[in-house]
Amino acid sequence: SSFQVYIIQVSVGNHQWTVKHRYSDFHDLHEKLVSEKKIDKNLLPPKKIIGKNSKSLVEKRQKELEVYLQTLLVKFPVTAPKVLSHFLHFHLYVS
């Protein structure tokens, strides 16, 4: 079965890069943040089954996932939780 990989722009300060993740990766991240950091459970855009690979839905979800990550970065302005830092590949980009 095919799956969609979302390419998300991340920007922190003057740094900008892209990360590539499947929706299931976002879901796993979100579950950890909800349990460990008490993030709002409804913050992550819902998983949609019908027409999930239609171009317009993919573009819409990609924007929603970008907003999701930016919201998380605003919530943790000083130190991102380890699970989030790893997800965003901070270790590769931010010194």
N, C-alpha and C. Protein backbone atom coordinates (compact mmCIF):
# COMPACT_ATOMS: atom_id res chain seq x y z
N SER A 1 0.85 -1.20 0.00
CA SER A 1 0.00 0.00 0.00
C SER A 1 0.88 1.24 0.00
N SER A 2 0.39 2.29 -0.62
CA SER A 2 1.19 3.51 -0.69
C SER A 2 0.91 4.37 0.53
N PHE A 3 1.85 5.21 0.85
CA PHE A 3 1.65 6.14 1.95
C PHE A 3 2.22 7.48 1.57
N GLN A 4 1.72 8.51 2.22
CA GLN A 4 2.11 9.87 1.92
C GLN A 4 3.22 10.32 2.86
N VAL A 5 4.26 10.92 2.31
CA VAL A 5 5.30 11.54 3.13
C VAL A 5 5.12 13.04 3.01
N TYR A 6 5.05 13.70 4.16
CA TYR A 6 4.87 15.15 4.18
C TYR A 6 6.22 15.82 4.34
N ILE A 7 6.48 16.80 3.50
CA ILE A 7 7.72 17.56 3.56
C ILE A 7 7.37 18.90 4.21
N ILE A 8 7.88 19.11 5.40
CA ILE A 8 7.47 20.26 6.22
C ILE A 8 8.64 21.22 6.41
N GLN A 9 8.36 22.50 6.17
CA GLN A 9 9.34 23.55 6.44
C GLN A 9 9.36 23.82 7.94
N VAL A 10 10.55 23.84 8.51
CA VAL A 10 10.70 24.19 9.93
C VAL A 10 11.57 25.43 10.00
N SER A 11 11.16 26.39 10.83
CA SER A 11 12.04 27.54 11.03
C SER A 11 12.13 27.87 12.51
N VAL A 12 13.36 28.02 12.96
CA VAL A 12 13.65 28.39 14.33
C VAL A 12 14.67 29.51 14.27
N GLY A 13 14.27 30.68 14.71
CA GLY A 13 15.18 31.82 14.61
C GLY A 13 15.56 32.05 13.16
N ASN A 14 16.86 32.08 12.89
CA ASN A 14 17.33 32.28 11.52
C ASN A 14 17.53 30.98 10.77
N HIS A 15 17.32 29.87 11.44
CA HIS A 15 17.52 28.57 10.81
C HIS A 15 16.24 28.11 10.13
N GLN A 16 16.38 27.53 8.95
CA GLN A 16 15.23 26.98 8.25
C GLN A 16 15.65 25.70 7.54
N TRP A 17 14.83 24.67 7.65
CA TRP A 17 15.13 23.40 7.00
C TRP A 17 13.83 22.63 6.79
N THR A 18 13.93 21.49 6.14
CA THR A 18 12.74 20.67 5.92
C THR A 18 12.92 19.32 6.60
N VAL A 19 11.81 18.78 7.05
CA VAL A 19 11.79 17.41 7.57
C VAL A 19 10.75 16.64 6.78
N LYS A 20 10.97 15.35 6.67
CA LYS A 20 10.04 14.49 5.93
C LYS A 20 9.53 13.40 6.86
N HIS A 21 8.22 13.34 7.02
CA HIS A 21 7.63 12.35 7.90
C HIS A 21 6.29 11.87 7.35
N ARG A 22 5.95 10.66 7.70
CA ARG A 22 4.61 10.13 7.41
C ARG A 22 3.67 10.65 8.48
N TYR A 23 2.38 10.61 8.19
CA TYR A 23 1.41 11.05 9.20
C TYR A 23 1.56 10.22 10.47
N SER A 24 1.82 8.92 10.31
CA SER A 24 1.95 8.06 11.50
C SER A 24 3.09 8.53 12.41
N ASP A 25 4.15 9.12 11.83
CA ASP A 25 5.23 9.67 12.66
C ASP A 25 4.73 10.85 13.49
N PHE A 26 3.93 11.70 12.85
CA PHE A 26 3.34 12.83 13.58
C PHE A 26 2.45 12.31 14.71
N HIS A 27 1.68 11.27 14.39
CA HIS A 27 0.77 10.70 15.38
C HIS A 27 1.55 10.15 16.58
N ASP A 28 2.64 9.44 16.31
CA ASP A 28 3.47 8.89 17.39
C ASP A 28 4.06 10.01 18.24
N LEU A 29 4.59 11.03 17.57
CA LEU A 29 5.13 12.20 18.29
C LEU A 29 4.05 12.81 19.18
N HIS A 30 2.89 13.00 18.60
CA HIS A 30 1.79 13.64 19.31
C HIS A 30 1.39 12.85 20.56
N GLU A 31 1.27 11.52 20.40
CA GLU A 31 0.92 10.67 21.55
C GLU A 31 1.91 10.86 22.69
N LYS A 32 3.20 10.90 22.36
CA LYS A 32 4.24 11.07 23.39
C LYS A 32 4.11 12.44 24.05
N LEU A 33 3.90 13.48 23.24
CA LEU A 33 3.79 14.83 23.80
C LEU A 33 2.54 14.99 24.66
N VAL A 34 1.46 14.35 24.25
CA VAL A 34 0.22 14.42 25.04
C VAL A 34 0.46 13.77 26.40
N SER A 35 1.10 12.61 26.42
CA SER A 35 1.30 11.92 27.69
C SER A 35 2.40 12.56 28.54
N GLU A 36 3.51 12.98 27.90
CA GLU A 36 4.64 13.51 28.67
C GLU A 36 4.52 14.99 28.97
N LYS A 37 3.98 15.77 28.05
CA LYS A 37 4.01 17.23 28.18
C LYS A 37 2.63 17.85 28.27
N LYS A 38 1.60 17.01 28.32
CA LYS A 38 0.22 17.49 28.46
C LYS A 38 -0.20 18.45 27.34
N ILE A 39 0.26 18.16 26.13
CA ILE A 39 -0.14 18.93 24.95
C ILE A 39 -1.62 18.67 24.69
N ASP A 40 -2.32 19.66 24.18
CA ASP A 40 -3.73 19.52 23.84
C ASP A 40 -3.90 18.38 22.84
N LYS A 41 -4.74 17.41 23.21
CA LYS A 41 -4.95 16.23 22.37
C LYS A 41 -5.48 16.58 20.99
N ASN A 42 -6.22 17.68 20.89
CA ASN A 42 -6.84 18.07 19.62
C ASN A 42 -5.95 18.91 18.72
N LEU A 43 -4.72 19.13 19.13
CA LEU A 43 -3.81 19.97 18.35
C LEU A 43 -3.44 19.35 17.00
N LEU A 44 -3.26 18.04 16.99
CA LEU A 44 -2.86 17.36 15.75
C LEU A 44 -4.06 17.25 14.81
N PRO A 45 -3.90 17.62 13.53
CA PRO A 45 -5.00 17.45 12.57
C PRO A 45 -5.42 15.98 12.55
N PRO A 46 -6.73 15.72 12.46
CA PRO A 46 -7.20 14.33 12.52
C PRO A 46 -6.77 13.51 11.31
N LYS A 47 -6.69 12.22 11.53
CA LYS A 47 -6.37 11.31 10.43
C LYS A 47 -7.62 11.15 9.58
N LYS A 48 -7.47 11.34 8.29
CA LYS A 48 -8.61 11.19 7.39
C LYS A 48 -8.37 9.98 6.53
N ILE A 49 -9.37 9.17 6.38
CA ILE A 49 -9.21 7.94 5.62
C ILE A 49 -9.67 8.11 4.17
N ILE A 50 -10.82 8.72 3.97
CA ILE A 50 -11.40 8.82 2.63
C ILE A 50 -10.67 9.86 1.79
N GLY A 51 -10.23 9.47 0.63
CA GLY A 51 -9.55 10.39 -0.27
C GLY A 51 -8.24 10.90 0.28
N LYS A 52 -7.59 10.08 1.12
CA LYS A 52 -6.41 10.59 1.82
C LYS A 52 -5.24 10.94 0.91
N ASN A 53 -5.24 10.41 -0.30
CA ASN A 53 -4.13 10.73 -1.19
C ASN A 53 -4.50 11.73 -2.29
N SER A 54 -5.69 12.33 -2.18
CA SER A 54 -6.04 13.34 -3.17
C SER A 54 -5.12 14.55 -2.97
N LYS A 55 -4.73 15.15 -4.09
CA LYS A 55 -3.75 16.23 -4.06
C LYS A 55 -4.18 17.37 -3.13
N SER A 56 -5.43 17.78 -3.20
CA SER A 56 -5.88 18.90 -2.38
C SER A 56 -5.85 18.55 -0.90
N LEU A 57 -6.21 17.31 -0.56
CA LEU A 57 -6.19 16.90 0.84
C LEU A 57 -4.75 16.83 1.36
N VAL A 58 -3.86 16.31 0.53
CA VAL A 58 -2.45 16.22 0.91
C VAL A 58 -1.90 17.62 1.18
N GLU A 59 -2.19 18.57 0.29
CA GLU A 59 -1.70 19.94 0.47
C GLU A 59 -2.29 20.58 1.72
N LYS A 60 -3.58 20.35 1.94
CA LYS A 60 -4.24 20.90 3.13
C LYS A 60 -3.62 20.32 4.40
N ARG A 61 -3.44 19.01 4.42
CA ARG A 61 -2.87 18.39 5.61
C ARG A 61 -1.43 18.84 5.82
N GLN A 62 -0.69 19.00 4.74
CA GLN A 62 0.69 19.45 4.88
C GLN A 62 0.74 20.81 5.57
N LYS A 63 -0.14 21.72 5.18
CA LYS A 63 -0.21 23.04 5.83
C LYS A 63 -0.60 22.89 7.29
N GLU A 64 -1.56 22.01 7.57
CA GLU A 64 -2.00 21.80 8.96
C GLU A 64 -0.87 21.24 9.81
N LEU A 65 -0.09 20.34 9.24
CA LEU A 65 1.02 19.76 9.98
C LEU A 65 2.12 20.79 10.22
N GLU A 66 2.32 21.68 9.25
CA GLU A 66 3.29 22.77 9.44
C GLU A 66 2.85 23.66 10.61
N VAL A 67 1.56 24.01 10.61
CA VAL A 67 1.01 24.82 11.70
C VAL A 67 1.17 24.09 13.04
N TYR A 68 0.91 22.81 13.02
CA TYR A 68 1.05 21.99 14.22
C TYR A 68 2.47 22.09 14.79
N LEU A 69 3.47 21.91 13.92
CA LEU A 69 4.86 21.98 14.39
C LEU A 69 5.23 23.38 14.87
N GLN A 70 4.79 24.41 14.14
CA GLN A 70 5.08 25.78 14.57
C GLN A 70 4.45 26.07 15.93
N THR A 71 3.23 25.54 16.15
CA THR A 71 2.55 25.72 17.42
C THR A 71 3.36 25.06 18.54
N LEU A 72 3.88 23.88 18.28
CA LEU A 72 4.70 23.20 19.29
C LEU A 72 5.95 24.01 19.60
N LEU A 73 6.57 24.58 18.57
CA LEU A 73 7.78 25.36 18.78
C LEU A 73 7.49 26.62 19.61
N VAL A 74 6.31 27.19 19.43
CA VAL A 74 5.91 28.35 20.24
C VAL A 74 5.69 27.93 21.70
N LYS A 75 5.14 26.73 21.89
CA LYS A 75 4.89 26.22 23.24
C LYS A 75 6.17 25.94 24.00
N PHE A 76 7.23 25.60 23.28
CA PHE A 76 8.51 25.27 23.92
C PHE A 76 9.60 26.19 23.36
N PRO A 77 9.52 27.49 23.68
CA PRO A 77 10.43 28.47 23.06
C PRO A 77 11.89 28.30 23.46
N VAL A 78 12.14 27.79 24.66
CA VAL A 78 13.51 27.70 25.13
C VAL A 78 14.11 26.33 24.84
N THR A 79 13.47 25.31 25.35
CA THR A 79 13.98 23.95 25.17
C THR A 79 12.86 23.05 24.68
N ALA A 80 13.02 22.54 23.50
CA ALA A 80 12.03 21.59 22.97
C ALA A 80 12.22 20.25 23.67
N PRO A 81 11.13 19.54 23.94
CA PRO A 81 11.27 18.19 24.50
C PRO A 81 12.12 17.33 23.58
N LYS A 82 12.86 16.39 24.16
CA LYS A 82 13.78 15.55 23.39
C LYS A 82 13.09 14.88 22.20
N VAL A 83 11.88 14.37 22.43
CA VAL A 83 11.16 13.66 21.36
C VAL A 83 10.86 14.61 20.18
N LEU A 84 10.56 15.88 20.49
CA LEU A 84 10.29 16.87 19.45
C LEU A 84 11.60 17.27 18.74
N SER A 85 12.65 17.49 19.51
CA SER A 85 13.95 17.84 18.93
C SER A 85 14.41 16.78 17.94
N HIS A 86 14.24 15.53 18.34
CA HIS A 86 14.64 14.42 17.50
C HIS A 86 13.80 14.39 16.21
N PHE A 87 12.49 14.57 16.37
CA PHE A 87 11.56 14.57 15.24
C PHE A 87 11.94 15.65 14.22
N LEU A 88 12.36 16.81 14.74
CA LEU A 88 12.69 17.94 13.87
C LEU A 88 14.16 17.95 13.43
N HIS A 89 14.90 16.92 13.83
CA HIS A 89 16.31 16.81 13.46
C HIS A 89 17.13 18.01 13.94
N PHE A 90 16.79 18.55 15.12
CA PHE A 90 17.55 19.69 15.67
C PHE A 90 19.04 19.41 15.71
N HIS A 91 19.39 18.19 16.07
CA HIS A 91 20.81 17.83 16.22
C HIS A 91 21.59 18.04 14.93
N LEU A 92 20.92 18.05 13.79
CA LEU A 92 21.60 18.25 12.52
C LEU A 92 21.76 19.71 12.14
N TYR A 93 20.88 20.56 12.69
CA TYR A 93 20.80 21.93 12.16
C TYR A 93 21.11 23.04 13.16
N VAL A 94 20.73 22.86 14.40
CA VAL A 94 20.85 23.97 15.35
C VAL A 94 22.02 23.69 16.27
N SER A 95 22.97 24.62 16.27
CA SER A 95 24.14 24.43 17.12
C SER A 95 24.00 25.22 18.40
